[in-house]
Amino acid sequence: MVFKKIDKLEAYKTYGTRIGANANNKAFERFVFKKIPNKFTILNIKLIDERIKLAAKFLSGYKRKDILLVSTLDSAYYAVYNFSKLMNVSVNFGRYLAGSMTNVSYKNFFEPKALLITDPKANRRAINDAKKINIPIVGIANTDNSTSFLDIIIPGNNKSGNSIGLILFLLAVNMSRKEEREKIDKISLEDFVSKELEF
């Protein structure tokens, strides 16, 4: 199993997933392990891991094609591409056009049943559309993000492509079926975040 191939605790540290922004977001207090005054926040690794598992269980309740992943961070391209290809979910990478979930005349019209985002601030247009059609939102959020409209928060550093890659990799592991696990077992986390993979 892939769990044996990576030390998750070490990966959360190495990929900076536990590093939060220097912000005072009361909604995030439960996820904070320690604050470094005037610098940054250290998030609770155990809670990050629990939330990834919770999000994976929740998303597994939907058909893969009914999940839309939205991300704008250039450095997360490979992770987003590989996750969408491996898990067979819909994806909008880069600029999201408002109305892509509500206007059927759009060329890239999506009809998702659940939305997965990597940054509540950068993906606010997708959030607004999801609210209009009343679908649940799962989001990777940092301490400086508003989490008001997220149904499931995955706390973590969403300013780093490697951090997002680790979270998506672990989401894939926890969502995976037998045939997908066989594919995951053949790849490394480093490859997942650094190049386009053939599955």
Foldseek 3Di string as FASTA:
>chain_A
DCPVVDDQVVLCVVLQFQKFAQDDAPVCVVQFDADDPPGTTGGDSVQLLVLLLVVLVVCLVDQQQQEEEEEEQPLQVLLQLQLCVLSVYHYDYHDDDQCLDPDPVDPNRGPHQEYEYEECVRCVSVLVSCVVVVHAYEYAYGRPGDCVRHPGYNYTDSNGSLSVSVSSLSSCVSNDDPVSVVVSVVDDSVCSSPHHDDD
